[in-house]
């Protein structure tokens, strides 16, 4: 029987593949013989233990070089040796079972126009680590897994550089984004619904599924991350960062606003500006470009809602690795005020609470799930900052020290108890020996007090008694 497609998923890691491995070549050739003309083999392999990959991601790649033949190169040679010479390679992140971003081999090329390290890091919660790996040229070798399509005949040309599967939402809004290479121009991003037959709107919210050219620039939250990585960062630092975003908003949606003034919180914005948040802002020198403006609201949108939405979203996903200035206690609320108050934006607690309620309703419509991010949460929740982690680490250090002290005390008490037990055992053994000695002496003493048995009569005495019996004497 011949097949059009042969799939092998969750194959063990590639460490066992070597080009001269005859059993593996025989196995691959047998698969090729089971395929029809033009049939394909699809392989999904993991790339070693997760902990090993994480440890590698933490290394310094500034002077890294590798002389080893990569496992993927060995696998490619095996497939070619088996006759499966035409191949397409894809690298899923964070893994092939829960892939959010899938990079093609062409997408990893330095000339692709993609920031492959950022795309891999965004899907794997490790943007900096994966960017270092990409800069070292090791992104393919260190990817969590690989998907390979192999055939003995030429495969159709595939111009896709990457696929991105959006977060799970209600069915109407689920999407897949495809980044396509364009001859003579920058790559193009196409976004399509995962279920095309469904309506694009629900409860006054519409997903536009925008298509656009891939814009250059650094995601603006990365600049905030750099600021918050410095010790002693202040409200002014955060406000300066936020002002650049607000300036881009004014230029894109409020052309009539005079000067560089920050809009009032009640200033109306068009409904399609709802996703013009820092996460979707790319900055390249003086040029700022908003991307992926997928949402459109039928209801009025004001600047205060977009301000709260954009800043809270950024603070939720930006780590704080530096110490803040002494006067700052970084809760989400204090960070929100730090970004807005120096710019003259006055957001009362009631105004913030009202915008959070609007945002919660939006999130519930889009995801179908309730969120509990109200004003009380905003005022009481601290982001996972380095300062907090260090304080927690110090607390853990004190706890470990106390446990080590307690352990030492328990060990000493155990040794003392064992020494006492040994002495008791030695005393008991000596006592048993003394009892045995006394029992033996008692037996000997008792034996000496018993009379010896009468000795047996000799032959002469026995004969005399016999004669007296034959001739009884008469007493007078």
Protein backbone atom coordinates (compact mmCIF):
# COMPACT_ATOMS: atom_id res chain seq x y z
CA UNK A 1 0.00 0.00 0.00
CA UNK A 2 1.30 3.46 -0.93
CA UNK A 3 0.56 6.71 0.91
CA UNK A 4 0.42 10.40 0.03
CA UNK A 5 1.58 11.49 3.48
CA UNK A 6 3.61 9.83 6.21
CA UNK A 7 3.74 11.68 9.55
CA UNK A 8 6.01 11.06 12.50
CA UNK A 9 5.29 13.29 15.49
CA UNK A 10 7.00 13.51 18.88
CA UNK A 11 10.06 11.67 17.60
CA UNK A 12 12.82 11.57 20.28
CA UNK A 13 15.50 14.25 20.08
CA UNK A 14 18.09 14.27 17.30
CA UNK A 15 21.10 13.30 19.41
CA UNK A 16 20.88 9.73 18.09
CA UNK A 17 21.04 10.68 14.41
CA UNK A 18 24.40 10.27 12.71
CA UNK A 19 24.89 10.28 8.94
CA UNK A 20 26.45 6.81 8.83
CA UNK A 21 23.69 5.18 10.87
CA UNK A 22 22.65 2.40 8.46
CA UNK A 23 19.54 1.28 10.42
CA UNK A 24 18.13 4.82 10.33
CA UNK A 25 18.87 5.13 6.61
CA UNK A 26 17.19 1.79 5.98
CA UNK A 27 14.18 2.95 7.98
CA UNK A 28 13.89 6.22 6.02
CA UNK A 29 14.26 4.40 2.71
CA UNK A 30 11.46 2.05 3.72
CA UNK A 31 9.26 5.08 4.38
CA UNK A 32 10.14 6.51 0.96
CA UNK A 33 9.15 3.22 -0.69
CA UNK A 34 5.77 3.40 1.06
CA UNK A 35 5.02 6.84 -0.45
CA UNK A 36 3.35 7.44 -3.76
CA UNK A 37 5.12 9.56 -6.33
CA UNK A 38 5.12 13.07 -4.90
CA UNK A 39 4.31 11.80 -1.40
CA UNK A 40 5.70 13.57 1.62
CA UNK A 41 7.18 12.72 4.98
CA UNK A 42 6.43 15.11 7.86
CA UNK A 43 8.69 14.89 10.91
CA UNK A 44 8.28 16.69 14.25
CA UNK A 45 11.30 16.38 16.54
CA UNK A 46 12.23 17.96 19.85
CA UNK A 47 15.68 19.41 20.33
CA UNK A 48 16.87 18.04 23.64
CA UNK A 49 15.78 18.74 27.25
CA UNK A 50 14.09 22.05 28.06
CA UNK A 51 16.48 22.82 30.94
CA UNK A 52 19.46 22.36 28.63
CA UNK A 53 18.02 24.82 26.10
CA UNK A 54 17.30 27.38 28.84
CA UNK A 55 20.84 27.09 30.17
CA UNK A 56 22.20 27.66 26.68
CA UNK A 57 19.95 30.71 26.22
CA UNK A 58 21.56 32.29 29.30
CA UNK A 59 25.08 32.10 27.89
CA UNK A 60 27.09 35.00 26.52
CA UNK A 61 27.28 34.69 22.73
CA UNK A 62 29.53 37.68 22.08
CA UNK A 63 32.45 35.41 21.21
CA UNK A 64 30.60 32.15 20.73
CA UNK A 65 31.59 29.81 17.95
CA UNK A 66 30.75 26.17 17.42
CA UNK A 67 32.77 23.63 15.49
CA UNK A 68 30.37 20.76 15.94
CA UNK A 69 28.08 19.51 13.22
CA UNK A 70 24.57 20.43 14.28
CA UNK A 71 21.99 17.73 14.85
CA UNK A 72 19.76 19.31 12.20
CA UNK A 73 22.58 19.13 9.64
CA UNK A 74 22.97 15.45 10.42
CA UNK A 75 19.24 14.93 10.03
CA UNK A 76 19.26 16.77 6.71
CA UNK A 77 22.08 14.51 5.48
CA UNK A 78 20.17 11.42 6.60
CA UNK A 79 17.06 12.48 4.70
CA UNK A 80 19.08 13.26 1.58
CA UNK A 81 20.89 9.94 1.85
CA UNK A 82 17.53 8.17 1.97
CA UNK A 83 16.41 9.91 -1.22
CA UNK A 84 14.24 12.63 0.42
CA UNK A 85 16.33 15.43 -1.04
CA UNK A 86 13.66 18.16 -1.23
CA UNK A 87 12.89 19.64 2.18
CA UNK A 88 11.13 22.54 3.90
CA UNK A 89 12.20 23.29 7.47
CA UNK A 90 10.13 25.10 10.12
CA UNK A 91 11.01 25.98 13.72
CA UNK A 92 8.09 26.27 16.20
CA UNK A 93 8.13 28.31 19.41
CA UNK A 94 7.71 27.64 22.31
CA UNK A 95 7.37 24.03 21.05
CA UNK A 96 5.62 22.07 18.33
CA UNK A 97 2.67 21.11 20.53
CA UNK A 98 1.75 24.64 21.63
CA UNK A 99 3.27 26.63 18.79
CA UNK A 100 2.45 30.34 18.72
CA UNK A 101 5.15 31.36 16.27
CA UNK A 102 6.59 29.13 13.53
CA UNK A 103 9.66 30.44 11.68
CA UNK A 104 10.63 29.06 8.31
CA UNK A 105 14.23 28.38 7.38
CA UNK A 106 14.07 31.39 5.03
CA UNK A 107 12.75 33.55 7.88
CA UNK A 108 15.95 32.88 9.87
CA UNK A 109 18.11 34.37 7.13
CA UNK A 110 19.72 37.72 8.08
CA UNK A 111 18.38 39.13 4.80
CA UNK A 112 14.76 38.11 5.43
CA UNK A 113 13.80 41.42 7.03
CA UNK A 114 12.47 39.62 10.11
CA UNK A 115 13.59 40.11 13.70
CA UNK A 116 13.51 36.35 14.19
CA UNK A 117 14.94 36.51 17.72
CA UNK A 118 12.18 38.90 18.85
CA UNK A 119 9.47 36.72 17.29
CA UNK A 120 10.89 33.58 18.95
CA UNK A 121 11.30 35.37 22.27
CA UNK A 122 7.80 36.83 22.27
CA UNK A 123 6.35 33.34 21.82
CA UNK A 124 8.67 31.82 24.43
CA UNK A 125 8.74 34.58 27.09
CA UNK A 126 12.46 35.17 26.57
CA UNK A 127 12.95 37.96 24.07
CA UNK A 128 16.45 38.96 25.16
CA UNK A 129 17.78 35.40 25.39
CA UNK A 130 16.48 34.36 21.97
CA UNK A 131 17.71 37.58 20.40
CA UNK A 132 21.23 36.78 21.67
CA UNK A 133 20.92 33.29 20.20
CA UNK A 134 19.75 34.74 16.88
CA UNK A 135 22.63 37.22 16.81
CA UNK A 136 25.04 34.31 17.31
CA UNK A 137 23.48 32.53 14.32
CA UNK A 138 22.33 29.61 16.46
CA UNK A 139 18.57 30.11 16.40
CA UNK A 140 17.91 27.07 14.19
CA UNK A 141 20.26 24.76 16.10
CA UNK A 142 18.82 25.83 19.47
CA UNK A 143 15.14 25.96 18.51
CA UNK A 144 12.91 23.89 20.81
CA UNK A 145 11.80 21.65 17.94
CA UNK A 146 11.75 21.29 14.19
CA UNK A 147 9.07 20.45 11.64
CA UNK A 148 10.41 18.98 8.40
CA UNK A 149 8.51 18.32 5.18
CA UNK A 150 10.56 16.05 2.94
CA UNK A 151 9.93 14.50 -0.45
CA UNK A 152 11.75 12.80 -3.29
CA UNK A 153 10.27 15.30 -5.76
CA UNK A 154 10.41 19.08 -5.89
CA UNK A 155 8.15 20.76 -3.33
CA UNK A 156 6.09 23.83 -4.27
CA UNK A 157 7.83 27.14 -3.61
CA UNK A 158 6.89 28.53 -0.19
CA UNK A 159 7.39 32.27 0.34
CA UNK A 160 6.18 32.25 3.93
CA UNK A 161 8.76 33.53 6.40
CA UNK A 162 6.75 33.02 9.55
CA UNK A 163 3.34 32.10 10.93
CA UNK A 164 1.91 33.55 14.11
CA UNK A 165 -1.11 32.03 15.83
CA UNK A 166 -2.83 34.60 18.02
CA UNK A 167 -3.95 34.07 21.60
CA UNK A 168 -7.09 32.04 22.01
CA UNK A 169 -10.22 34.18 21.75
CA UNK A 170 -13.85 33.68 20.96
CA UNK A 171 -14.13 31.88 17.58
CA UNK A 172 -15.06 35.01 15.61
CA UNK A 173 -11.80 36.73 16.53
CA UNK A 174 -9.22 33.93 16.39
CA UNK A 175 -6.57 34.67 13.79
CA UNK A 176 -3.45 33.48 12.01
CA UNK A 177 -0.87 35.98 10.77
CA UNK A 178 1.38 35.05 7.86
CA UNK A 179 4.54 36.98 6.99
CA UNK A 180 5.29 36.64 3.28
CA UNK A 181 8.47 37.54 1.44
CA UNK A 182 7.93 40.06 -1.36
CA UNK A 183 10.29 40.37 -4.30
CA UNK A 184 11.77 43.86 -4.38
CA UNK A 185 10.05 45.04 -1.20
CA UNK A 186 9.63 44.44 2.52
CA UNK A 187 7.74 41.38 3.74
CA UNK A 188 3.96 41.63 4.00
CA UNK A 189 1.87 40.61 7.02
CA UNK A 190 -1.47 38.97 6.18
CA UNK A 191 -3.96 38.29 8.97
CA UNK A 192 -6.90 36.00 8.39
CA UNK A 193 -9.55 34.46 10.66
CA UNK A 194 -8.99 30.87 11.65
CA UNK A 195 -12.65 30.23 10.88
CA UNK A 196 -13.36 32.39 7.82
CA UNK A 197 -17.09 31.68 7.73
CA UNK A 198 -17.85 33.47 11.00
CA UNK A 199 -18.84 37.11 11.40
CA UNK A 200 -16.06 39.53 12.34
CA UNK A 201 -18.16 41.51 14.83
CA UNK A 202 -19.66 40.96 18.27
CA UNK A 203 -21.22 43.42 20.76
CA UNK A 204 -20.09 46.51 18.83
CA UNK A 205 -16.50 45.26 18.41
CA UNK A 206 -15.09 44.39 14.99
CA UNK A 207 -11.84 42.68 14.11
CA UNK A 208 -10.46 44.25 10.94
CA UNK A 209 -7.81 41.55 10.29
CA UNK A 210 -5.50 44.18 8.77
CA UNK A 211 -2.83 43.48 6.17
CA UNK A 212 0.28 45.66 5.98
CA UNK A 213 3.93 45.79 5.01
CA UNK A 214 6.35 44.77 7.72
CA UNK A 215 7.58 48.00 9.27
CA UNK A 216 11.11 48.52 10.62
CA UNK A 217 11.80 49.61 14.17
CA UNK A 218 12.07 48.53 17.78
CA UNK A 219 8.92 47.60 19.72
CA UNK A 220 8.43 50.55 22.07
CA UNK A 221 8.01 48.46 25.26
CA UNK A 222 11.61 47.28 24.81
CA UNK A 223 12.77 50.85 25.44
CA UNK A 224 10.78 50.92 28.68
CA UNK A 225 12.37 47.61 29.65
CA UNK A 226 15.80 49.18 29.17
CA UNK A 227 14.76 52.13 31.37
CA UNK A 228 13.45 49.87 34.13
CA UNK A 229 16.66 47.83 34.00
CA UNK A 230 18.66 50.83 35.31
CA UNK A 231 19.02 51.38 39.03
CA UNK A 232 17.45 54.60 40.28
CA UNK A 233 14.87 55.04 37.49
CA UNK A 234 12.38 57.82 38.20
CA UNK A 235 8.90 58.98 37.29
CA UNK A 236 10.45 61.41 34.80
CA UNK A 237 12.12 58.50 32.97
CA UNK A 238 8.81 56.65 32.62
CA UNK A 239 6.97 59.83 31.62
CA UNK A 240 9.51 60.61 28.89
CA UNK A 241 8.98 57.13 27.48
CA UNK A 242 5.18 57.51 27.60
CA UNK A 243 5.35 60.95 25.96
CA UNK A 244 6.93 59.43 22.83
CA UNK A 245 3.98 57.08 22.51
CA UNK A 246 1.47 59.89 23.06
CA UNK A 247 3.24 62.02 20.44
CA UNK A 248 2.84 59.18 17.95
CA UNK A 249 -0.86 58.95 18.85
CA UNK A 250 -1.35 62.66 18.21
CA UNK A 251 0.44 62.49 14.89
CA UNK A 252 -1.61 59.50 13.72
CA UNK A 253 -5.08 60.30 15.03
CA UNK A 254 -5.21 63.95 16.25
CA UNK A 255 -3.64 66.06 13.54
CA UNK A 256 -5.62 69.10 14.64
CA UNK A 257 -4.12 69.17 18.14
CA UNK A 258 -1.85 72.20 18.55
CA UNK A 259 1.82 71.94 19.51
CA UNK A 260 3.01 69.05 21.65
CA UNK A 261 0.22 69.25 24.18
CA UNK A 262 -1.02 66.01 25.70
CA UNK A 263 -4.71 65.45 24.88
CA UNK A 264 -7.31 65.73 27.61
CA UNK A 265 -8.54 62.42 28.98
CA UNK A 266 -11.99 62.99 27.43
CA UNK A 267 -10.63 63.71 23.94
CA UNK A 268 -12.42 61.54 21.37
CA UNK A 269 -10.44 59.20 19.14
CA UNK A 270 -11.58 57.15 16.14
CA UNK A 271 -12.69 53.60 16.96
CA UNK A 272 -9.89 52.02 14.93
CA UNK A 273 -7.32 53.68 17.24
CA UNK A 274 -8.26 51.26 20.02
CA UNK A 275 -5.21 49.05 19.45
CA UNK A 276 -2.73 51.91 19.06
CA UNK A 277 -0.99 50.89 22.27
CA UNK A 278 2.78 50.80 22.98
CA UNK A 279 2.95 47.07 22.19
CA UNK A 280 1.94 47.88 18.61
CA UNK A 281 4.30 50.85 18.17
CA UNK A 282 7.59 50.42 16.30
CA UNK A 283 10.13 53.24 16.61
CA UNK A 284 12.96 53.62 14.11
CA UNK A 285 14.84 56.84 14.90
CA UNK A 286 12.39 59.69 14.40
CA UNK A 287 9.90 57.46 12.62
CA UNK A 288 7.09 55.83 14.62
CA UNK A 289 4.66 53.34 13.08
CA UNK A 290 1.62 51.66 14.57
CA UNK A 291 1.01 48.09 13.42
CA UNK A 292 -1.74 45.49 13.84
CA UNK A 293 -4.56 47.95 14.52
CA UNK A 294 -7.04 45.11 14.42
CA UNK A 295 -9.92 46.43 16.57
CA UNK A 296 -12.62 48.90 15.72
CA UNK A 297 -15.20 50.06 18.27
CA UNK A 298 -18.71 51.17 17.41
CA UNK A 299 -18.92 52.99 20.72
CA UNK A 300 -17.00 56.24 21.44
CA UNK A 301 -13.34 55.90 22.42
CA UNK A 302 -11.67 58.54 24.57
CA UNK A 303 -8.00 59.20 25.17
CA UNK A 304 -8.29 58.26 28.86
CA UNK A 305 -9.42 54.72 28.02
CA UNK A 306 -6.60 54.25 25.49
CA UNK A 307 -4.10 55.69 27.98
CA UNK A 308 -5.11 53.29 30.75
CA UNK A 309 -5.40 50.34 28.35
CA UNK A 310 -2.02 50.91 26.71
CA UNK A 311 -0.01 51.61 29.85
CA UNK A 312 -1.46 48.79 31.95
CA UNK A 313 -0.94 46.34 29.08
CA UNK A 314 2.71 47.45 28.85
CA UNK A 315 3.37 47.27 32.58
CA UNK A 316 1.90 43.77 32.71
CA UNK A 317 4.43 42.44 30.20
CA UNK A 318 7.55 44.52 30.96
CA UNK A 319 9.91 43.18 33.64
CA UNK A 320 11.48 45.55 36.16
CA UNK A 321 15.10 44.53 36.71
CA UNK A 322 16.51 47.75 38.18
CA UNK A 323 15.97 49.47 41.52
CA UNK A 324 13.46 52.34 41.38
CA UNK A 325 14.15 55.69 43.02
CA UNK A 326 13.55 55.53 46.79
CA UNK A 327 10.27 57.45 46.63
CA UNK A 328 8.64 54.97 44.20
CA UNK A 329 6.72 51.93 45.39
CA UNK A 330 6.03 50.30 42.01
CA UNK A 331 2.44 49.11 42.00
CA UNK A 332 0.59 49.22 38.70
CA UNK A 333 -1.25 52.31 39.94
CA UNK A 334 1.93 54.19 40.89
CA UNK A 335 3.47 53.27 37.54
CA UNK A 336 0.37 54.61 35.77
CA UNK A 337 0.66 57.91 37.67
CA UNK A 338 4.44 57.97 37.08
CA UNK A 339 3.84 57.83 33.33
CA UNK A 340 1.08 60.44 33.21
CA UNK A 341 1.35 62.94 36.09
CA UNK A 342 4.62 64.60 34.91
CA UNK A 343 2.93 65.18 31.53
CA UNK A 344 0.04 67.05 33.12
CA UNK A 345 -2.49 64.25 32.65
CA UNK A 346 -4.86 64.18 35.60
CA UNK A 347 -6.52 60.81 36.10
CA UNK A 348 -8.65 60.57 39.23
CA UNK A 349 -9.20 57.24 40.93
CA UNK A 350 -12.82 57.28 39.72
CA UNK A 351 -11.73 58.00 36.12
CA UNK A 352 -9.22 55.14 36.22
CA UNK A 353 -11.79 52.76 37.71
CA UNK A 354 -14.33 53.66 35.03
CA UNK A 355 -11.81 53.02 32.22
CA UNK A 356 -10.80 49.72 33.78
CA UNK A 357 -14.45 48.68 33.80
CA UNK A 358 -14.71 49.50 30.09
CA UNK A 359 -11.57 47.51 29.37
CA UNK A 360 -12.87 44.55 31.37
CA UNK A 361 -16.07 44.53 29.29
CA UNK A 362 -14.01 44.61 26.09
CA UNK A 363 -11.81 41.72 27.24
CA UNK A 364 -14.84 39.66 28.19
CA UNK A 365 -16.40 40.15 24.76
CA UNK A 366 -13.17 39.28 22.92
CA UNK A 367 -12.06 36.32 25.02
CA UNK A 368 -15.36 35.11 26.44
CA UNK A 369 -13.79 35.16 29.91
CA UNK A 370 -14.13 37.57 32.81
CA UNK A 371 -11.13 39.54 34.08
CA UNK A 372 -10.65 40.74 37.64
CA UNK A 373 -8.47 43.75 36.91
CA UNK A 374 -10.35 46.47 38.75
CA UNK A 375 -9.04 49.51 40.60
CA UNK A 376 -8.35 47.56 43.80
CA UNK A 377 -6.19 45.15 41.81
CA UNK A 378 -4.37 48.04 40.11
CA UNK A 379 -3.62 49.76 43.43
CA UNK A 380 -2.44 46.69 45.31
CA UNK A 381 -0.55 44.62 42.73
CA UNK A 382 3.20 44.93 42.39
CA UNK A 383 4.85 43.87 39.14
CA UNK A 384 7.50 41.21 39.43
CA UNK A 385 10.43 43.58 39.91
CA UNK A 386 14.05 42.78 40.50
CA UNK A 387 13.90 44.58 43.83
CA UNK A 388 11.05 42.36 44.95
CA UNK A 389 12.81 39.28 43.69
CA UNK A 390 15.97 40.25 45.55
CA UNK A 391 14.00 40.91 48.73
CA UNK A 392 12.29 37.57 48.31
CA UNK A 393 15.67 35.96 47.67
CA UNK A 394 17.04 37.52 50.85
CA UNK A 395 14.05 36.20 52.76
CA UNK A 396 14.66 32.78 51.28
CA UNK A 397 18.36 33.06 52.19
CA UNK A 398 17.45 33.80 55.80
CA UNK A 399 15.00 30.92 55.77
CA UNK A 400 17.63 28.58 54.30
CA UNK A 401 20.14 29.72 56.94
CA UNK A 402 17.62 29.03 59.70
CA UNK A 403 16.85 25.62 58.22
CA UNK A 404 20.57 24.84 57.98
CA UNK A 405 21.04 25.84 61.62
CA UNK A 406 18.09 23.69 62.63
CA UNK A 407 19.49 20.84 60.57
CA UNK A 408 22.87 21.14 62.30
CA UNK A 409 21.17 21.12 65.68
CA UNK A 410 19.15 18.06 64.72
CA UNK A 411 22.29 16.31 63.47
CA UNK A 412 24.08 17.08 66.73
CA UNK A 413 21.10 15.85 68.75
CA UNK A 414 20.98 12.73 66.62
CA UNK A 415 24.70 12.07 67.16
CA UNK A 416 24.29 12.56 70.91
CA UNK A 417 21.31 10.20 70.96
CA UNK A 418 23.22 7.65 68.90
CA UNK A 419 26.20 7.87 71.27
CA UNK A 420 23.89 7.33 74.26
CA UNK A 421 22.26 4.44 72.45
CA UNK A 422 25.67 2.88 71.76
CA UNK A 423 26.57 3.19 75.46
CA UNK A 424 23.26 1.58 76.46
CA UNK A 425 23.84 -1.24 73.97
CA UNK A 426 27.37 -1.79 75.30
CA UNK A 427 26.07 -1.80 78.90
CA UNK A 428 23.32 -4.26 77.99
CA UNK A 429 25.84 -6.57 76.32
CA UNK A 430 28.10 -6.44 79.36
CA UNK A 431 25.12 -7.10 81.60
CA UNK A 432 24.13 -10.14 79.52
CA UNK A 433 27.66 -11.52 79.77
CA UNK A 434 27.65 -11.01 83.56
CA UNK A 435 24.27 -12.75 83.86
CA UNK A 436 25.58 -15.69 81.88
CA UNK A 437 28.67 -15.86 84.14
CA UNK A 438 26.57 -15.79 87.31
CA UNK A 439 24.16 -18.40 85.98
CA UNK A 440 27.07 -20.73 85.23
CA UNK A 441 28.53 -20.17 88.75
CA UNK A 442 25.13 -20.88 90.28
CA UNK A 443 24.84 -24.17 88.42
CA UNK A 444 28.25 -25.24 89.68
CA UNK A 445 27.41 -24.28 93.28
CA UNK A 446 24.15 -26.20 93.22
CA UNK A 447 25.91 -29.23 91.85
CA UNK A 448 28.43 -29.22 94.75
CA UNK A 449 25.65 -29.38 97.37
CA UNK A 450 24.07 -32.67 96.07
CA UNK A 451 25.33 -36.09 97.82
CA UNK A 452 27.16 -38.42 95.46
CA UNK A 453 25.32 -41.73 94.63
CA UNK A 454 26.43 -45.00 96.50
CA UNK A 455 29.21 -46.90 94.90
CA UNK A 456 28.37 -50.39 93.43
CA UNK A 457 29.05 -53.49 95.69
CA UNK A 458 32.12 -55.63 95.00
CA UNK A 459 31.92 -59.45 94.14
CA UNK A 460 33.10 -60.71 97.58
CA UNK A 461 30.47 -58.80 99.43
CA UNK A 462 27.78 -60.07 97.08
CA UNK A 463 28.97 -63.77 97.63
CA UNK A 464 29.01 -63.42 101.39
CA UNK A 465 25.48 -62.20 101.44
CA UNK A 466 24.47 -65.14 99.32
CA UNK A 467 25.96 -67.70 101.78
CA UNK A 468 24.23 -66.03 104.68
CA UNK A 469 21.04 -66.51 102.83
CA UNK A 470 21.64 -70.27 102.42
CA UNK A 471 22.65 -70.91 106.00
CA UNK A 472 20.65 -68.61 108.21
CA UNK A 473 22.18 -68.14 111.66
CA UNK A 474 20.19 -68.50 114.83
CA UNK A 475 20.27 -65.69 117.24
CA UNK A 476 20.47 -66.45 120.96
